[in-house]
């Protein structure tokens, strides 16, 4: 696409990438800082699997961003599943902890 429409689409894609990378980094750091025993206790994937899933998709979204938003969306979904499903359950069994 040429002209201003193409520029708007590029800007939107860049905003989506930056926001999703922020959420993915948050999910990755949170998973990294948790005890490995917490993951089986909340009946989810092991810590290493979450780190590989979030980190791998985050890296893929950076490396393959030029080919489209597919990897960025996959990475965002993985991070959101962790942040919205796994993180609250880990916080619950660990006594709350920090709010982030």
PDB file of N, CA and C in Angstrom:
ATOM      1  N   UNK A   1       0.839  -1.180   0.000  1.00  0.00           N
ATOM      2  CA  UNK A   1       0.000   0.000   0.000  1.00  0.00           C
ATOM      3  C   UNK A   1       0.882   1.240   0.000  1.00  0.00           C
ATOM      4  N   UNK A   2       0.462   2.164  -0.766  1.00  0.00           N
ATOM      5  CA  UNK A   2       1.231   3.401  -0.886  1.00  0.00           C
ATOM      6  C   UNK A   2       0.512   4.529  -0.162  1.00  0.00           C
ATOM      7  N   UNK A   3       1.248   5.582   0.044  1.00  0.00           N
ATOM      8  CA  UNK A   3       0.652   6.775   0.608  1.00  0.00           C
ATOM      9  C   UNK A   3       0.451   6.710   2.101  1.00  0.00           C
ATOM     10  N   UNK A   4      -0.477   7.500   2.549  1.00  0.00           N
ATOM     11  CA  UNK A   4      -0.683   7.650   3.988  1.00  0.00           C
ATOM     12  C   UNK A   4      -1.296   6.410   4.628  1.00  0.00           C
ATOM     13  N   UNK A   5      -2.073   5.639   3.856  1.00  0.00           N
ATOM     14  CA  UNK A   5      -2.675   4.420   4.414  1.00  0.00           C
ATOM     15  C   UNK A   5      -1.582   3.436   4.814  1.00  0.00           C
ATOM     16  N   UNK A   6      -0.608   3.281   3.968  1.00  0.00           N
ATOM     17  CA  UNK A   6       0.519   2.397   4.278  1.00  0.00           C
ATOM     18  C   UNK A   6       1.285   2.857   5.503  1.00  0.00           C
ATOM     19  N   UNK A   7       1.456   4.167   5.620  1.00  0.00           N
ATOM     20  CA  UNK A   7       2.160   4.718   6.783  1.00  0.00           C
ATOM     21  C   UNK A   7       1.370   4.497   8.067  1.00  0.00           C
ATOM     22  N   UNK A   8       0.058   4.635   7.997  1.00  0.00           N
ATOM     23  CA  UNK A   8      -0.786   4.397   9.174  1.00  0.00           C
ATOM     24  C   UNK A   8      -0.712   2.930   9.587  1.00  0.00           C
ATOM     25  N   UNK A   9      -0.752   2.038   8.627  1.00  0.00           N
ATOM     26  CA  UNK A   9      -0.664   0.607   8.919  1.00  0.00           C
ATOM     27  C   UNK A   9       0.690   0.273   9.543  1.00  0.00           C
ATOM     28  N   UNK A  10       1.747   0.844   9.023  1.00  0.00           N
ATOM     29  CA  UNK A  10       3.080   0.625   9.600  1.00  0.00           C
ATOM     30  C   UNK A  10       3.142   1.133  11.035  1.00  0.00           C
ATOM     31  N   UNK A  11       2.560   2.299  11.285  1.00  0.00           N
ATOM     32  CA  UNK A  11       2.570   2.864  12.635  1.00  0.00           C
ATOM     33  C   UNK A  11       1.771   1.993  13.603  1.00  0.00           C
ATOM     34  N   UNK A  12       0.624   1.503  13.162  1.00  0.00           N
ATOM     35  CA  UNK A  12      -0.196   0.634  14.013  1.00  0.00           C
ATOM     36  C   UNK A  12       0.551  -0.659  14.314  1.00  0.00           C
ATOM     37  N   UNK A  13       1.174  -1.246  13.302  1.00  0.00           N
ATOM     38  CA  UNK A  13       1.948  -2.474  13.514  1.00  0.00           C
ATOM     39  C   UNK A  13       3.089  -2.251  14.496  1.00  0.00           C
ATOM     40  N   UNK A  14       3.744  -1.099  14.404  1.00  0.00           N
ATOM     41  CA  UNK A  14       4.837  -0.793  15.325  1.00  0.00           C
ATOM     42  C   UNK A  14       4.325  -0.644  16.757  1.00  0.00           C
ATOM     43  N   UNK A  15       3.194   0.020  16.932  1.00  0.00           N
ATOM     44  CA  UNK A  15       2.608   0.181  18.272  1.00  0.00           C
ATOM     45  C   UNK A  15       2.224  -1.182  18.838  1.00  0.00           C
ATOM     46  N   UNK A  16       1.599  -2.011  18.027  1.00  0.00           N
ATOM     47  CA  UNK A  16       1.221  -3.355  18.470  1.00  0.00           C
ATOM     48  C   UNK A  16       2.463  -4.148  18.870  1.00  0.00           C
ATOM     49  N   UNK A  17       3.517  -4.055  18.084  1.00  0.00           N
ATOM     50  CA  UNK A  17       4.754  -4.775  18.392  1.00  0.00           C
ATOM     51  C   UNK A  17       5.348  -4.298  19.716  1.00  0.00           C
ATOM     52  N   UNK A  18       5.426  -2.999  19.928  1.00  0.00           N
ATOM     53  CA  UNK A  18       6.029  -2.461  21.147  1.00  0.00           C
ATOM     54  C   UNK A  18       5.210  -2.855  22.374  1.00  0.00           C
ATOM     55  N   UNK A  19       3.890  -2.726  22.294  1.00  0.00           N
ATOM     56  CA  UNK A  19       3.025  -3.093  23.423  1.00  0.00           C
ATOM     57  C   UNK A  19       3.125  -4.587  23.705  1.00  0.00           C
ATOM     58  N   UNK A  20       3.081  -5.396  22.658  1.00  0.00           N
ATOM     59  CA  UNK A  20       3.146  -6.843  22.871  1.00  0.00           C
ATOM     60  C   UNK A  20       4.508  -7.263  23.421  1.00  0.00           C
ATOM     61  N   UNK A  21       5.585  -6.629  22.962  1.00  0.00           N
ATOM     62  CA  UNK A  21       6.911  -6.958  23.502  1.00  0.00           C
ATOM     63  C   UNK A  21       7.003  -6.595  24.984  1.00  0.00           C
ATOM     64  N   UNK A  22       6.372  -5.494  25.366  1.00  0.00           N
ATOM     65  CA  UNK A  22       6.337  -5.129  26.784  1.00  0.00           C
ATOM     66  C   UNK A  22       5.615  -6.162  27.624  1.00  0.00           C
ATOM     67  N   UNK A  23       4.457  -6.615  27.158  1.00  0.00           N
ATOM     68  CA  UNK A  23       3.710  -7.645  27.885  1.00  0.00           C
ATOM     69  C   UNK A  23       4.474  -8.969  27.916  1.00  0.00           C
ATOM     70  N   UNK A  24       5.117  -9.298  26.814  1.00  0.00           N
ATOM     71  CA  UNK A  24       5.879 -10.539  26.746  1.00  0.00           C
ATOM     72  C   UNK A  24       7.083 -10.493  27.685  1.00  0.00           C
ATOM     73  N   UNK A  25       7.746  -9.363  27.740  1.00  0.00           N
ATOM     74  CA  UNK A  25       8.886  -9.214  28.648  1.00  0.00           C
ATOM     75  C   UNK A  25       8.425  -9.323  30.092  1.00  0.00           C
ATOM     76  N   UNK A  26       7.297  -8.709  30.412  1.00  0.00           N
ATOM     77  CA  UNK A  26       6.731  -8.799  31.763  1.00  0.00           C
ATOM     78  C   UNK A  26       6.444 -10.257  32.117  1.00  0.00           C
ATOM     79  N   UNK A  27       5.790 -10.986  31.214  1.00  0.00           N
ATOM     80  CA  UNK A  27       5.466 -12.394  31.466  1.00  0.00           C
ATOM     81  C   UNK A  27       6.742 -13.221  31.620  1.00  0.00           C
ATOM     82  N   UNK A  28       7.740 -12.974  30.771  1.00  0.00           N
ATOM     83  CA  UNK A  28       8.984 -13.745  30.828  1.00  0.00           C
ATOM     84  C   UNK A  28       9.713 -13.508  32.145  1.00  0.00           C
ATOM     85  N   UNK A  29       9.839 -12.248  32.541  1.00  0.00           N
ATOM     86  CA  UNK A  29      10.542 -11.928  33.795  1.00  0.00           C
ATOM     87  C   UNK A  29       9.781 -12.498  34.985  1.00  0.00           C
ATOM     88  N   UNK A  30       8.467 -12.403  34.962  1.00  0.00           N
ATOM     89  CA  UNK A  30       7.677 -12.946  36.068  1.00  0.00           C
ATOM     90  C   UNK A  30       7.893 -14.453  36.177  1.00  0.00           C
ATOM     91  N   UNK A  31       7.816 -15.155  35.056  1.00  0.00           N
ATOM     92  CA  UNK A  31       8.018 -16.605  35.069  1.00  0.00           C
ATOM     93  C   UNK A  31       9.431 -16.950  35.521  1.00  0.00           C
ATOM     94  N   UNK A  32      10.397 -16.165  35.101  1.00  0.00           N
ATOM     95  CA  UNK A  32      11.789 -16.400  35.462  1.00  0.00           C
ATOM     96  C   UNK A  32      12.002 -16.287  36.973  1.00  0.00           C
ATOM     97  N   UNK A  33      11.304 -15.371  37.613  1.00  0.00           N
ATOM     98  CA  UNK A  33      11.506 -15.114  39.037  1.00  0.00           C
ATOM     99  C   UNK A  33      10.724 -16.069  39.954  1.00  0.00           C
ATOM    100  N   UNK A  34       9.853 -16.879  39.392  1.00  0.00           N
ATOM    101  CA  UNK A  34       9.061 -17.795  40.214  1.00  0.00           C
ATOM    102  C   UNK A  34       9.823 -19.087  40.494  1.00  0.00           C
ATOM    103  N   UNK A  35       9.480 -19.716  41.598  1.00  0.00           N
ATOM    104  CA  UNK A  35      10.076 -21.016  41.931  1.00  0.00           C
ATOM    105  C   UNK A  35       9.503 -22.077  40.990  1.00  0.00           C
ATOM    106  N   UNK A  36      10.346 -22.993  40.598  1.00  0.00           N
ATOM    107  CA  UNK A  36       9.917 -24.047  39.675  1.00  0.00           C
ATOM    108  C   UNK A  36       8.804 -24.908  40.266  1.00  0.00           C
ATOM    109  N   UNK A  37       8.783 -25.051  41.583  1.00  0.00           N
ATOM    110  CA  UNK A  37       7.765 -25.882  42.242  1.00  0.00           C
ATOM    111  C   UNK A  37       6.372 -25.267  42.150  1.00  0.00           C
ATOM    112  N   UNK A  38       6.294 -23.970  41.918  1.00  0.00           N
ATOM    113  CA  UNK A  38       4.994 -23.300  41.867  1.00  0.00           C
ATOM    114  C   UNK A  38       4.181 -23.729  40.646  1.00  0.00           C
ATOM    115  N   UNK A  39       4.828 -24.068  39.565  1.00  0.00           N
ATOM    116  CA  UNK A  39       4.117 -24.374  38.331  1.00  0.00           C
ATOM    117  C   UNK A  39       3.348 -25.691  38.410  1.00  0.00           C
ATOM    118  N   UNK A  40       3.973 -26.790  38.875  1.00  0.00           N
ATOM    119  CA  UNK A  40       3.174 -28.015  39.034  1.00  0.00           C
ATOM    120  C   UNK A  40       2.088 -27.853  40.104  1.00  0.00           C
ATOM    121  N   UNK A  41       2.336 -27.006  41.089  1.00  0.00           N
ATOM    122  CA  UNK A  41       1.359 -26.802  42.161  1.00  0.00           C
ATOM    123  C   UNK A  41       0.075 -26.164  41.640  1.00  0.00           C
ATOM    124  N   UNK A  42       0.169 -25.381  40.576  1.00  0.00           N
ATOM    125  CA  UNK A  42      -1.030 -24.772  40.002  1.00  0.00           C
ATOM    126  C   UNK A  42      -1.490 -25.514  38.744  1.00  0.00           C
ATOM    127  N   UNK A  43      -0.958 -26.703  38.556  1.00  0.00           N
ATOM    128  CA  UNK A  43      -1.345 -27.602  37.472  1.00  0.00           C
ATOM    129  C   UNK A  43      -1.232 -26.948  36.090  1.00  0.00           C
ATOM    130  N   UNK A  44      -0.033 -26.443  35.803  1.00  0.00           N
ATOM    131  CA  UNK A  44       0.233 -25.848  34.501  1.00  0.00           C
ATOM    132  C   UNK A  44       1.547 -26.406  33.956  1.00  0.00           C
ATOM    133  N   UNK A  45       1.963 -25.909  32.832  1.00  0.00           N
ATOM    134  CA  UNK A  45       3.225 -26.350  32.248  1.00  0.00           C
ATOM    135  C   UNK A  45       4.382 -26.043  33.189  1.00  0.00           C
ATOM    136  N   UNK A  46       5.477 -26.740  33.013  1.00  0.00           N
ATOM    137  CA  UNK A  46       6.648 -26.506  33.849  1.00  0.00           C
ATOM    138  C   UNK A  46       7.254 -25.133  33.550  1.00  0.00           C
ATOM    139  N   UNK A  47       8.017 -24.636  34.499  1.00  0.00           N
ATOM    140  CA  UNK A  47       8.641 -23.326  34.374  1.00  0.00           C
ATOM    141  C   UNK A  47       9.469 -23.218  33.096  1.00  0.00           C
ATOM    142  N   UNK A  48      10.288 -24.205  32.812  1.00  0.00           N
ATOM    143  CA  UNK A  48      11.127 -24.172  31.620  1.00  0.00           C
ATOM    144  C   UNK A  48      10.323 -24.110  30.334  1.00  0.00           C
ATOM    145  N   UNK A  49       9.190 -24.785  30.315  1.00  0.00           N
ATOM    146  CA  UNK A  49       8.343 -24.771  29.122  1.00  0.00           C
ATOM    147  C   UNK A  49       7.760 -23.378  28.918  1.00  0.00           C
ATOM    148  N   UNK A  50       7.295 -22.751  30.011  1.00  0.00           N
ATOM    149  CA  UNK A  50       6.771 -21.386  29.900  1.00  0.00           C
ATOM    150  C   UNK A  50       7.857 -20.419  29.438  1.00  0.00           C
ATOM    151  N   UNK A  51       9.050 -20.548  29.991  1.00  0.00           N
ATOM    152  CA  UNK A  51      10.143 -19.663  29.585  1.00  0.00           C
ATOM    153  C   UNK A  51      10.483 -19.856  28.112  1.00  0.00           C
ATOM    154  N   UNK A  52      10.525 -21.098  27.678  1.00  0.00           N
ATOM    155  CA  UNK A  52      10.809 -21.390  26.271  1.00  0.00           C
ATOM    156  C   UNK A  52       9.686 -20.882  25.375  1.00  0.00           C
ATOM    157  N   UNK A  53       8.459 -21.093  25.779  1.00  0.00           N
ATOM    158  CA  UNK A  53       7.313 -20.667  24.984  1.00  0.00           C
ATOM    159  C   UNK A  53       7.261 -19.145  24.850  1.00  0.00           C
ATOM    160  N   UNK A  54       7.354 -18.452  25.974  1.00  0.00           N
ATOM    161  CA  UNK A  54       7.273 -16.990  25.935  1.00  0.00           C
ATOM    162  C   UNK A  54       8.522 -16.392  25.278  1.00  0.00           C
ATOM    163  N   UNK A  55       9.694 -16.845  25.702  1.00  0.00           N
ATOM    164  CA  UNK A  55      10.940 -16.311  25.144  1.00  0.00           C
ATOM    165  C   UNK A  55      11.109 -16.639  23.675  1.00  0.00           C
ATOM    166  N   UNK A  56      10.777 -17.855  23.290  1.00  0.00           N
ATOM    167  CA  UNK A  56      10.911 -18.265  21.891  1.00  0.00           C
ATOM    168  C   UNK A  56       9.987 -17.520  20.961  1.00  0.00           C
ATOM    169  N   UNK A  57       8.736 -17.367  21.378  1.00  0.00           N
ATOM    170  CA  UNK A  57       7.803 -16.636  20.518  1.00  0.00           C
ATOM    171  C   UNK A  57       8.139 -15.145  20.487  1.00  0.00           C
ATOM    172  N   UNK A  58       8.658 -14.615  21.595  1.00  0.00           N
ATOM    173  CA  UNK A  58       9.071 -13.218  21.617  1.00  0.00           C
ATOM    174  C   UNK A  58      10.239 -13.005  20.643  1.00  0.00           C
ATOM    175  N   UNK A  59      11.199 -13.895  20.663  1.00  0.00           N
ATOM    176  CA  UNK A  59      12.333 -13.811  19.750  1.00  0.00           C
ATOM    177  C   UNK A  59      11.880 -13.959  18.294  1.00  0.00           C
ATOM    178  N   UNK A  60      10.981 -14.904  18.051  1.00  0.00           N
ATOM    179  CA  UNK A  60      10.471 -15.100  16.692  1.00  0.00           C
ATOM    180  C   UNK A  60       9.722 -13.870  16.197  1.00  0.00           C
ATOM    181  N   UNK A  61       8.966 -13.222  17.082  1.00  0.00           N
ATOM    182  CA  UNK A  61       8.233 -12.030  16.648  1.00  0.00           C
ATOM    183  C   UNK A  61       9.197 -10.901  16.287  1.00  0.00           C
ATOM    184  N   UNK A  62      10.322 -10.825  16.970  1.00  0.00           N
ATOM    185  CA  UNK A  62      11.329  -9.814  16.628  1.00  0.00           C
ATOM    186  C   UNK A  62      12.039 -10.155  15.320  1.00  0.00           C
ATOM    187  N   UNK A  63      12.428 -11.411  15.168  1.00  0.00           N
ATOM    188  CA  UNK A  63      13.195 -11.822  13.996  1.00  0.00           C
ATOM    189  C   UNK A  63      12.368 -11.801  12.717  1.00  0.00           C
ATOM    190  N   UNK A  64      11.097 -12.174  12.830  1.00  0.00           N
ATOM    191  CA  UNK A  64      10.268 -12.322  11.635  1.00  0.00           C
ATOM    192  C   UNK A  64       9.212 -11.240  11.500  1.00  0.00           C
ATOM    193  N   UNK A  65       9.395 -10.112  12.183  1.00  0.00           N
ATOM    194  CA  UNK A  65       8.412  -9.033  12.133  1.00  0.00           C
ATOM    195  C   UNK A  65       8.209  -8.522  10.710  1.00  0.00           C
ATOM    196  N   UNK A  66       9.253  -8.534   9.925  1.00  0.00           N
ATOM    197  CA  UNK A  66       9.158  -8.036   8.554  1.00  0.00           C
ATOM    198  C   UNK A  66       8.219  -8.880   7.690  1.00  0.00           C
ATOM    199  N   UNK A  67       7.974 -10.122   8.085  1.00  0.00           N
ATOM    200  CA  UNK A  67       7.111 -11.009   7.300  1.00  0.00           C
ATOM    201  C   UNK A  67       5.649 -10.910   7.695  1.00  0.00           C
ATOM    202  N   UNK A  68       5.341 -10.117   8.672  1.00  0.00           N
ATOM    203  CA  UNK A  68       3.950  -9.957   9.102  1.00  0.00           C
ATOM    204  C   UNK A  68       3.826 -10.074  10.607  1.00  0.00           C
ATOM    205  N   UNK A  69       2.609  -9.970  11.065  1.00  0.00           N
ATOM    206  CA  UNK A  69       2.327  -9.921  12.494  1.00  0.00           C
ATOM    207  C   UNK A  69       2.006 -11.292  13.094  1.00  0.00           C
ATOM    208  N   UNK A  70       2.135 -12.367  12.328  1.00  0.00           N
ATOM    209  CA  UNK A  70       1.760 -13.679  12.819  1.00  0.00           C
ATOM    210  C   UNK A  70       2.507 -14.055  14.089  1.00  0.00           C
ATOM    211  N   UNK A  71       3.824 -13.965  14.083  1.00  0.00           N
ATOM    212  CA  UNK A  71       4.606 -14.352  15.265  1.00  0.00           C
ATOM    213  C   UNK A  71       4.375 -13.402  16.434  1.00  0.00           C
ATOM    214  N   UNK A  72       4.159 -12.132  16.131  1.00  0.00           N
ATOM    215  CA  UNK A  72       3.869 -11.171  17.200  1.00  0.00           C
ATOM    216  C   UNK A  72       2.551 -11.519  17.882  1.00  0.00           C
ATOM    217  N   UNK A  73       1.560 -11.937  17.114  1.00  0.00           N
ATOM    218  CA  UNK A  73       0.268 -12.306  17.698  1.00  0.00           C
ATOM    219  C   UNK A  73       0.382 -13.610  18.498  1.00  0.00           C
ATOM    220  N   UNK A  74       1.141 -14.568  17.997  1.00  0.00           N
ATOM    221  CA  UNK A  74       1.350 -15.825  18.738  1.00  0.00           C
ATOM    222  C   UNK A  74       2.053 -15.537  20.060  1.00  0.00           C
ATOM    223  N   UNK A  75       3.078 -14.687  20.011  1.00  0.00           N
ATOM    224  CA  UNK A  75       3.809 -14.335  21.226  1.00  0.00           C
ATOM    225  C   UNK A  75       2.917 -13.591  22.205  1.00  0.00           C
ATOM    226  N   UNK A  76       2.086 -12.707  21.702  1.00  0.00           N
ATOM    227  CA  UNK A  76       1.175 -11.961  22.565  1.00  0.00           C
ATOM    228  C   UNK A  76       0.171 -12.896  23.225  1.00  0.00           C
ATOM    229  N   UNK A  77      -0.348 -13.855  22.487  1.00  0.00           N
ATOM    230  CA  UNK A  77      -1.297 -14.811  23.048  1.00  0.00           C
ATOM    231  C   UNK A  77      -0.635 -15.644  24.142  1.00  0.00           C
ATOM    232  N   UNK A  78       0.588 -16.120  23.899  1.00  0.00           N
ATOM    233  CA  UNK A  78       1.298 -16.906  24.925  1.00  0.00           C
ATOM    234  C   UNK A  78       1.508 -16.085  26.189  1.00  0.00           C
ATOM    235  N   UNK A  79       1.920 -14.832  26.033  1.00  0.00           N
ATOM    236  CA  UNK A  79       2.154 -13.962  27.187  1.00  0.00           C
ATOM    237  C   UNK A  79       0.858 -13.678  27.931  1.00  0.00           C
ATOM    238  N   UNK A  80      -0.219 -13.430  27.201  1.00  0.00           N
ATOM    239  CA  UNK A  80      -1.497 -13.139  27.852  1.00  0.00           C
ATOM    240  C   UNK A  80      -2.061 -14.355  28.582  1.00  0.00           C
ATOM    241  N   UNK A  81      -1.895 -15.540  28.013  1.00  0.00           N
ATOM    242  CA  UNK A  81      -2.335 -16.747  28.712  1.00  0.00           C
ATOM    243  C   UNK A  81      -1.580 -16.883  30.027  1.00  0.00           C
ATOM    244  N   UNK A  82      -0.275 -16.650  29.980  1.00  0.00           N
ATOM    245  CA  UNK A  82       0.510 -16.730  31.209  1.00  0.00           C
ATOM    246  C   UNK A  82       0.060 -15.671  32.210  1.00  0.00           C
ATOM    247  N   UNK A  83      -0.021 -14.417  31.762  1.00  0.00           N
ATOM    248  CA  UNK A  83      -0.335 -13.316  32.675  1.00  0.00           C
ATOM    249  C   UNK A  83      -1.748 -13.388  33.238  1.00  0.00           C
ATOM    250  N   UNK A  84      -2.702 -13.856  32.445  1.00  0.00           N
ATOM    251  CA  UNK A  84      -4.089 -13.852  32.886  1.00  0.00           C
ATOM    252  C   UNK A  84      -4.544 -15.156  33.525  1.00  0.00           C
ATOM    253  N   UNK A  85      -3.821 -16.243  33.287  1.00  0.00           N
ATOM    254  CA  UNK A  85      -4.229 -17.530  33.842  1.00  0.00           C
ATOM    255  C   UNK A  85      -3.236 -18.063  34.872  1.00  0.00           C
ATOM    256  N   UNK A  86      -1.988 -18.173  34.491  1.00  0.00           N
ATOM    257  CA  UNK A  86      -0.985 -18.802  35.353  1.00  0.00           C
ATOM    258  C   UNK A  86      -0.538 -17.860  36.475  1.00  0.00           C
ATOM    259  N   UNK A  87      -0.222 -16.620  36.135  1.00  0.00           N
ATOM    260  CA  UNK A  87       0.289 -15.667  37.129  1.00  0.00           C
ATOM    261  C   UNK A  87      -0.644 -15.505  38.338  1.00  0.00           C
ATOM    262  N   UNK A  88      -1.961 -15.313  38.144  1.00  0.00           N
ATOM    263  CA  UNK A  88      -2.822 -15.173  39.327  1.00  0.00           C
ATOM    264  C   UNK A  88      -2.835 -16.420  40.216  1.00  0.00           C
ATOM    265  N   UNK A  89      -2.762 -17.596  39.619  1.00  0.00           N
ATOM    266  CA  UNK A  89      -2.757 -18.824  40.418  1.00  0.00           C
ATOM    267  C   UNK A  89      -1.456 -18.980  41.185  1.00  0.00           C
ATOM    268  N   UNK A  90      -0.338 -18.580  40.570  1.00  0.00           N
ATOM    269  CA  UNK A  90       0.947 -18.639  41.272  1.00  0.00           C
ATOM    270  C   UNK A  90       0.950 -17.630  42.419  1.00  0.00           C
ATOM    271  N   UNK A  91       0.434 -16.437  42.171  1.00  0.00           N
ATOM    272  CA  UNK A  91       0.365 -15.430  43.235  1.00  0.00           C
ATOM    273  C   UNK A  91      -0.507 -15.920  44.386  1.00  0.00           C
ATOM    274  N   UNK A  92      -1.575 -16.629  44.059  1.00  0.00           N
ATOM    275  CA  UNK A  92      -2.491 -17.129  45.084  1.00  0.00           C
ATOM    276  C   UNK A  92      -1.811 -18.135  46.000  1.00  0.00           C
ATOM    277  N   UNK A  93      -1.050 -19.062  45.440  1.00  0.00           N
ATOM    278  CA  UNK A  93      -0.419 -20.076  46.284  1.00  0.00           C
ATOM    279  C   UNK A  93       0.840 -19.570  46.970  1.00  0.00           C
ATOM    280  N   UNK A  94       1.402 -18.472  46.450  1.00  0.00           N
ATOM    281  CA  UNK A  94       2.624 -17.957  47.070  1.00  0.00           C
ATOM    282  C   UNK A  94       2.333 -16.845  48.068  1.00  0.00           C
ATOM    283  N   UNK A  95       1.076 -16.646  48.402  1.00  0.00           N
ATOM    284  CA  UNK A  95       0.742 -15.663  49.419  1.00  0.00           C
ATOM    285  C   UNK A  95       0.628 -14.247  48.907  1.00  0.00           C
ATOM    286  N   UNK A  96       0.375 -14.085  47.639  1.00  0.00           N
ATOM    287  CA  UNK A  96       0.188 -12.745  47.082  1.00  0.00           C
ATOM    288  C   UNK A  96       1.442 -12.177  46.473  1.00  0.00           C
ATOM    289  N   UNK A  97       2.441 -11.928  47.275  1.00  0.00           N
ATOM    290  CA  UNK A  97       3.690 -11.368  46.757  1.00  0.00           C
ATOM    291  C   UNK A  97       3.478  -9.977  46.203  1.00  0.00           C
ATOM    292  N   UNK A  98       4.330  -9.588  45.289  1.00  0.00           N
ATOM    293  CA  UNK A  98       4.236  -8.254  44.709  1.00  0.00           C
ATOM    294  C   UNK A  98       3.055  -8.184  43.745  1.00  0.00           C
ATOM    295  N   UNK A  99       2.569  -6.993  43.488  1.00  0.00           N
ATOM    296  CA  UNK A  99       1.412  -6.796  42.625  1.00  0.00           C
ATOM    297  C   UNK A  99       1.742  -6.939  41.146  1.00  0.00           C
ATOM    298  N   UNK A 100       3.015  -6.937  40.766  1.00  0.00           N
ATOM    299  CA  UNK A 100       3.343  -6.985  39.334  1.00  0.00           C
ATOM    300  C   UNK A 100       3.384  -8.417  38.886  1.00  0.00           C
TER     301      UNK A 100
END
